Amino acid sequence: MADAGAWQESTRGLLQFACLTRPDWTREETWNAIHAAKTAGLPWDRLVRRLLDIAFRVETPPTRPRELWDDARGVRDRVVPGQLDPEVRARLLADLAARGPVAGPRHGGGGDP
C-alpha cells in the first residue's frame, strides 16, 4: 500500500503544476477534482495523464478540472461530432436523409401561429 504522506506530496505537486499551467483554474476546484477522481477509484497514473490532458487542451469553452471527475465517473458532457465512429456517423446521416425534410411549424408572417 502506498504511503499516504507520499500520495499527499504527489497530489500537492500535481495541483501546483496544473494551476501554474492553467491560471484560470482555482486551487480549490482543481484539488476537489483530483480528490474526487481518486476517491472514485481512478488509478494514479490515469489520473495524472487525464488531468494533464485536460490542462493542456485548448478549447472554447475552456476545459475545467471537473472533467477529471467526470472521466472517473464515466460521464461525458462534451460530445464532439468528430469523435463518432465513421461508420456510425454514416449510418446516422443516411437515416436522416431517408427520413426526408422535417415538417415543423410554419409561420406566415405576423399574427398568431
N, C-alpha and C. Protein backbone atom coordinates (compact mmCIF):
# COMPACT_ATOMS: atom_id res chain seq x y z
N MET A 1 0.84 -1.18 0.00
CA MET A 1 0.00 0.00 0.00
C MET A 1 0.89 1.25 0.00
N ALA A 2 0.51 2.24 -0.78
CA ALA A 2 1.30 3.45 -0.90
C ALA A 2 1.18 4.28 0.38
N ASP A 3 2.27 4.96 0.69
CA ASP A 3 2.31 5.82 1.86
C ASP A 3 1.38 7.02 1.64
N ALA A 4 0.51 7.31 2.62
CA ALA A 4 -0.44 8.42 2.50
C ALA A 4 0.30 9.75 2.37
N GLY A 5 1.41 9.89 3.08
CA GLY A 5 2.18 11.13 3.01
C GLY A 5 2.75 11.36 1.61
N ALA A 6 3.23 10.27 1.00
CA ALA A 6 3.76 10.38 -0.37
C ALA A 6 2.66 10.75 -1.34
N TRP A 7 1.48 10.16 -1.14
CA TRP A 7 0.35 10.49 -2.02
C TRP A 7 -0.01 11.96 -1.89
N GLN A 8 -0.02 12.47 -0.65
CA GLN A 8 -0.35 13.89 -0.45
C GLN A 8 0.68 14.79 -1.09
N GLU A 9 1.97 14.44 -0.96
CA GLU A 9 3.02 15.24 -1.59
C GLU A 9 2.88 15.22 -3.11
N SER A 10 2.63 14.05 -3.67
CA SER A 10 2.44 13.93 -5.13
C SER A 10 1.24 14.75 -5.58
N THR A 11 0.18 14.70 -4.79
CA THR A 11 -1.03 15.45 -5.13
C THR A 11 -0.77 16.94 -5.08
N ARG A 12 -0.03 17.39 -4.06
CA ARG A 12 0.29 18.83 -3.98
C ARG A 12 1.11 19.26 -5.19
N GLY A 13 2.06 18.43 -5.59
CA GLY A 13 2.88 18.76 -6.76
C GLY A 13 2.05 18.83 -8.03
N LEU A 14 1.15 17.86 -8.20
CA LEU A 14 0.28 17.85 -9.37
C LEU A 14 -0.64 19.06 -9.36
N LEU A 15 -1.18 19.37 -8.18
CA LEU A 15 -2.06 20.54 -8.03
C LEU A 15 -1.32 21.82 -8.41
N GLN A 16 -0.12 21.97 -7.89
CA GLN A 16 0.66 23.16 -8.19
C GLN A 16 0.97 23.26 -9.69
N PHE A 17 1.38 22.15 -10.29
CA PHE A 17 1.70 22.14 -11.71
C PHE A 17 0.46 22.48 -12.56
N ALA A 18 -0.67 21.86 -12.24
CA ALA A 18 -1.90 22.10 -13.01
C ALA A 18 -2.33 23.57 -12.91
N CYS A 19 -2.24 24.15 -11.72
CA CYS A 19 -2.65 25.54 -11.54
C CYS A 19 -1.67 26.53 -12.18
N LEU A 20 -0.39 26.16 -12.24
CA LEU A 20 0.57 27.00 -12.96
C LEU A 20 0.33 26.93 -14.46
N THR A 21 -0.04 25.73 -14.92
CA THR A 21 -0.32 25.53 -16.34
C THR A 21 -1.59 26.26 -16.75
N ARG A 22 -2.60 26.21 -15.89
CA ARG A 22 -3.90 26.83 -16.17
C ARG A 22 -4.25 27.84 -15.09
N PRO A 23 -3.79 29.09 -15.21
CA PRO A 23 -4.07 30.09 -14.19
C PRO A 23 -5.57 30.39 -14.04
N ASP A 24 -6.38 29.99 -15.02
CA ASP A 24 -7.83 30.20 -14.91
C ASP A 24 -8.49 29.17 -14.01
N TRP A 25 -7.77 28.14 -13.59
CA TRP A 25 -8.29 27.14 -12.66
C TRP A 25 -7.93 27.56 -11.24
N THR A 26 -8.89 27.43 -10.33
CA THR A 26 -8.59 27.73 -8.93
C THR A 26 -8.00 26.49 -8.27
N ARG A 27 -7.23 26.72 -7.23
CA ARG A 27 -6.64 25.60 -6.48
C ARG A 27 -7.76 24.73 -5.89
N GLU A 28 -8.81 25.38 -5.41
CA GLU A 28 -9.90 24.63 -4.77
C GLU A 28 -10.60 23.70 -5.76
N GLU A 29 -10.98 24.22 -6.93
CA GLU A 29 -11.69 23.36 -7.89
C GLU A 29 -10.79 22.25 -8.42
N THR A 30 -9.50 22.55 -8.56
CA THR A 30 -8.57 21.53 -9.05
C THR A 30 -8.34 20.46 -7.98
N TRP A 31 -8.16 20.88 -6.74
CA TRP A 31 -8.00 19.93 -5.63
C TRP A 31 -9.24 19.05 -5.51
N ASN A 32 -10.41 19.65 -5.59
CA ASN A 32 -11.65 18.88 -5.48
C ASN A 32 -11.76 17.84 -6.59
N ALA A 33 -11.37 18.21 -7.80
CA ALA A 33 -11.43 17.27 -8.92
C ALA A 33 -10.45 16.11 -8.72
N ILE A 34 -9.24 16.43 -8.28
CA ILE A 34 -8.24 15.39 -8.04
C ILE A 34 -8.72 14.45 -6.94
N HIS A 35 -9.19 15.03 -5.86
CA HIS A 35 -9.64 14.22 -4.72
C HIS A 35 -10.85 13.36 -5.09
N ALA A 36 -11.80 13.94 -5.81
CA ALA A 36 -12.99 13.19 -6.21
C ALA A 36 -12.63 12.04 -7.15
N ALA A 37 -11.72 12.29 -8.09
CA ALA A 37 -11.31 11.24 -9.03
C ALA A 37 -10.58 10.12 -8.29
N LYS A 38 -9.73 10.47 -7.35
CA LYS A 38 -9.01 9.47 -6.56
C LYS A 38 -9.99 8.67 -5.70
N THR A 39 -10.95 9.35 -5.09
CA THR A 39 -11.96 8.69 -4.27
C THR A 39 -12.82 7.75 -5.12
N ALA A 40 -13.07 8.15 -6.37
CA ALA A 40 -13.89 7.32 -7.27
C ALA A 40 -13.12 6.10 -7.77
N GLY A 41 -11.83 6.02 -7.43
CA GLY A 41 -11.06 4.83 -7.78
C GLY A 41 -10.22 4.96 -9.04
N LEU A 42 -10.08 6.17 -9.58
CA LEU A 42 -9.25 6.36 -10.76
C LEU A 42 -7.79 6.10 -10.38
N PRO A 43 -7.11 5.18 -11.06
CA PRO A 43 -5.71 4.90 -10.72
C PRO A 43 -4.85 6.15 -10.89
N TRP A 44 -3.81 6.27 -10.05
CA TRP A 44 -2.98 7.48 -10.03
C TRP A 44 -2.40 7.80 -11.39
N ASP A 45 -1.86 6.80 -12.11
CA ASP A 45 -1.24 7.08 -13.41
C ASP A 45 -2.26 7.62 -14.40
N ARG A 46 -3.47 7.07 -14.39
CA ARG A 46 -4.52 7.56 -15.30
C ARG A 46 -4.99 8.94 -14.87
N LEU A 47 -5.08 9.17 -13.55
CA LEU A 47 -5.50 10.47 -13.03
C LEU A 47 -4.53 11.56 -13.50
N VAL A 48 -3.23 11.30 -13.36
CA VAL A 48 -2.22 12.28 -13.77
C VAL A 48 -2.30 12.54 -15.27
N ARG A 49 -2.33 11.46 -16.07
CA ARG A 49 -2.40 11.64 -17.53
C ARG A 49 -3.65 12.41 -17.93
N ARG A 50 -4.78 12.06 -17.34
CA ARG A 50 -6.04 12.71 -17.72
C ARG A 50 -6.05 14.18 -17.32
N LEU A 51 -5.57 14.48 -16.11
CA LEU A 51 -5.55 15.88 -15.68
C LEU A 51 -4.64 16.72 -16.57
N LEU A 52 -3.48 16.17 -16.91
CA LEU A 52 -2.57 16.92 -17.79
C LEU A 52 -3.16 17.08 -19.18
N ASP A 53 -3.85 16.06 -19.67
CA ASP A 53 -4.52 16.16 -20.96
C ASP A 53 -5.55 17.29 -20.94
N ILE A 54 -6.31 17.36 -19.87
CA ILE A 54 -7.33 18.41 -19.74
C ILE A 54 -6.65 19.78 -19.63
N ALA A 55 -5.59 19.85 -18.84
CA ALA A 55 -4.91 21.14 -18.61
C ALA A 55 -4.28 21.69 -19.89
N PHE A 56 -3.71 20.82 -20.71
CA PHE A 56 -3.03 21.29 -21.91
C PHE A 56 -3.95 21.47 -23.11
N ARG A 57 -5.19 21.00 -23.01
CA ARG A 57 -6.12 21.11 -24.13
C ARG A 57 -6.67 22.54 -24.18
N VAL A 58 -6.66 23.12 -25.36
CA VAL A 58 -7.18 24.48 -25.54
C VAL A 58 -8.49 24.36 -26.30
N GLU A 59 -9.57 24.73 -25.64
CA GLU A 59 -10.89 24.63 -26.25
C GLU A 59 -11.73 25.84 -25.89
N THR A 60 -12.77 26.03 -26.64
CA THR A 60 -13.78 27.03 -26.32
C THR A 60 -15.10 26.29 -26.21
N PRO A 61 -15.78 26.31 -25.07
CA PRO A 61 -15.37 26.95 -23.82
C PRO A 61 -14.18 26.23 -23.21
N PRO A 62 -13.45 26.94 -22.34
CA PRO A 62 -12.25 26.35 -21.77
C PRO A 62 -12.54 25.09 -20.96
N THR A 63 -11.56 24.20 -20.92
CA THR A 63 -11.69 22.99 -20.12
C THR A 63 -11.69 23.37 -18.65
N ARG A 64 -12.27 22.52 -17.83
CA ARG A 64 -12.32 22.73 -16.39
C ARG A 64 -11.79 21.48 -15.70
N PRO A 65 -11.23 21.61 -14.50
CA PRO A 65 -10.72 20.45 -13.80
C PRO A 65 -11.78 19.40 -13.49
N ARG A 66 -13.04 19.81 -13.39
CA ARG A 66 -14.08 18.84 -13.04
C ARG A 66 -14.25 17.77 -14.12
N GLU A 67 -13.71 18.01 -15.32
CA GLU A 67 -13.75 16.98 -16.36
C GLU A 67 -13.00 15.73 -15.91
N LEU A 68 -12.02 15.91 -15.03
CA LEU A 68 -11.30 14.76 -14.48
C LEU A 68 -12.25 13.89 -13.67
N TRP A 69 -13.05 14.52 -12.85
CA TRP A 69 -14.02 13.78 -12.03
C TRP A 69 -15.06 13.12 -12.93
N ASP A 70 -15.53 13.86 -13.92
CA ASP A 70 -16.50 13.30 -14.87
C ASP A 70 -15.92 12.05 -15.54
N ASP A 71 -14.64 12.10 -15.89
CA ASP A 71 -13.99 10.95 -16.51
C ASP A 71 -13.96 9.77 -15.55
N ALA A 72 -13.66 10.05 -14.29
CA ALA A 72 -13.60 8.97 -13.29
C ALA A 72 -14.97 8.32 -13.10
N ARG A 73 -16.03 9.11 -13.22
CA ARG A 73 -17.39 8.59 -13.06
C ARG A 73 -17.94 8.03 -14.37
N GLY A 74 -17.21 8.22 -15.46
CA GLY A 74 -17.67 7.72 -16.76
C GLY A 74 -18.66 8.65 -17.43
N VAL A 75 -18.67 9.91 -17.02
CA VAL A 75 -19.60 10.89 -17.57
C VAL A 75 -18.92 11.63 -18.71
N ARG A 76 -19.64 11.82 -19.77
CA ARG A 76 -19.12 12.60 -20.89
C ARG A 76 -20.12 13.71 -21.20
N ASP A 77 -19.77 14.93 -20.77
CA ASP A 77 -20.66 16.07 -21.05
C ASP A 77 -20.47 16.58 -22.47
N ARG A 78 -19.26 16.52 -22.93
CA ARG A 78 -18.96 17.06 -24.25
C ARG A 78 -19.01 15.95 -25.29
N VAL A 79 -19.81 16.15 -26.31
CA VAL A 79 -19.84 15.20 -27.41
C VAL A 79 -19.40 15.98 -28.64
N VAL A 80 -18.29 15.58 -29.19
CA VAL A 80 -17.73 16.26 -30.35
C VAL A 80 -18.02 15.39 -31.56
N PRO A 81 -18.70 15.95 -32.60
CA PRO A 81 -19.05 15.13 -33.75
C PRO A 81 -17.87 14.38 -34.35
N GLY A 82 -16.69 14.93 -34.31
CA GLY A 82 -15.53 14.26 -34.86
C GLY A 82 -15.15 12.99 -34.11
N GLN A 83 -15.72 12.79 -32.93
CA GLN A 83 -15.41 11.61 -32.14
C GLN A 83 -16.25 10.40 -32.54
N LEU A 84 -17.26 10.62 -33.35
CA LEU A 84 -18.10 9.50 -33.76
C LEU A 84 -17.33 8.56 -34.67
N ASP A 85 -17.59 7.30 -34.51
CA ASP A 85 -17.02 6.31 -35.41
C ASP A 85 -17.52 6.62 -36.81
N PRO A 86 -16.67 6.61 -37.83
CA PRO A 86 -17.11 6.98 -39.19
C PRO A 86 -18.28 6.14 -39.69
N GLU A 87 -18.32 4.86 -39.35
CA GLU A 87 -19.44 4.01 -39.79
C GLU A 87 -20.74 4.41 -39.11
N VAL A 88 -20.67 4.72 -37.81
CA VAL A 88 -21.86 5.15 -37.07
C VAL A 88 -22.35 6.48 -37.64
N ARG A 89 -21.42 7.40 -37.89
CA ARG A 89 -21.80 8.70 -38.45
C ARG A 89 -22.48 8.53 -39.80
N ALA A 90 -21.94 7.67 -40.65
CA ALA A 90 -22.52 7.44 -41.98
C ALA A 90 -23.93 6.86 -41.86
N ARG A 91 -24.12 5.92 -40.93
CA ARG A 91 -25.47 5.34 -40.74
C ARG A 91 -26.45 6.39 -40.25
N LEU A 92 -26.01 7.26 -39.34
CA LEU A 92 -26.90 8.31 -38.83
C LEU A 92 -27.28 9.30 -39.93
N LEU A 93 -26.30 9.70 -40.73
CA LEU A 93 -26.59 10.63 -41.82
C LEU A 93 -27.50 9.99 -42.87
N ALA A 94 -27.30 8.71 -43.17
CA ALA A 94 -28.16 8.01 -44.13
C ALA A 94 -29.59 7.93 -43.59
N ASP A 95 -29.72 7.66 -42.30
CA ASP A 95 -31.04 7.58 -41.68
C ASP A 95 -31.76 8.93 -41.75
N LEU A 96 -31.03 10.01 -41.47
CA LEU A 96 -31.63 11.34 -41.55
C LEU A 96 -32.05 11.68 -42.98
N ALA A 97 -31.20 11.33 -43.94
CA ALA A 97 -31.52 11.61 -45.34
C ALA A 97 -32.74 10.82 -45.79
N ALA A 98 -32.88 9.57 -45.32
CA ALA A 98 -34.02 8.73 -45.70
C ALA A 98 -35.34 9.25 -45.14
N ARG A 99 -35.27 9.95 -44.03
CA ARG A 99 -36.49 10.49 -43.40
C ARG A 99 -37.04 11.69 -44.16
N GLY A 100 -36.23 12.34 -44.94
CA GLY A 100 -36.69 13.50 -45.69
C GLY A 100 -36.77 14.73 -44.82
N PRO A 101 -37.29 15.80 -45.37
CA PRO A 101 -37.36 17.06 -44.62
C PRO A 101 -38.29 16.92 -43.41
N VAL A 102 -37.94 17.61 -42.37
CA VAL A 102 -38.74 17.59 -41.15
C VAL A 102 -39.79 18.68 -41.25
N ALA A 103 -41.04 18.29 -41.04
CA ALA A 103 -42.13 19.27 -41.05
C ALA A 103 -42.20 19.94 -39.70
N GLY A 104 -42.12 21.22 -39.69
CA GLY A 104 -42.18 21.97 -38.44
C GLY A 104 -43.22 23.06 -38.56
N PRO A 105 -43.36 23.85 -37.52
CA PRO A 105 -44.34 24.94 -37.57
C PRO A 105 -43.97 25.93 -38.67
N ARG A 106 -44.99 26.36 -39.35
CA ARG A 106 -44.77 27.35 -40.41
C ARG A 106 -45.52 28.62 -40.03
N HIS A 107 -44.82 29.68 -40.12
CA HIS A 107 -45.42 30.97 -39.77
C HIS A 107 -45.55 31.80 -41.03
N GLY A 108 -46.72 32.30 -41.25
CA GLY A 108 -46.97 33.09 -42.44
C GLY A 108 -46.57 34.54 -42.30
N GLY A 109 -45.97 34.87 -41.20
CA GLY A 109 -45.53 36.26 -41.01
C GLY A 109 -46.62 37.09 -40.39
N GLY A 110 -46.52 37.32 -39.12
CA GLY A 110 -47.49 38.14 -38.42
C GLY A 110 -48.66 37.33 -37.87
N GLY A 111 -49.28 37.86 -36.88
CA GLY A 111 -50.44 37.19 -36.28
C GLY A 111 -50.05 36.02 -35.41
N ASP A 112 -51.04 35.34 -34.90
CA ASP A 112 -50.79 34.18 -34.05
C ASP A 112 -50.45 32.99 -34.93
N PRO A 113 -49.61 32.10 -34.42
CA PRO A 113 -49.25 30.92 -35.21
C PRO A 113 -50.42 29.99 -35.40
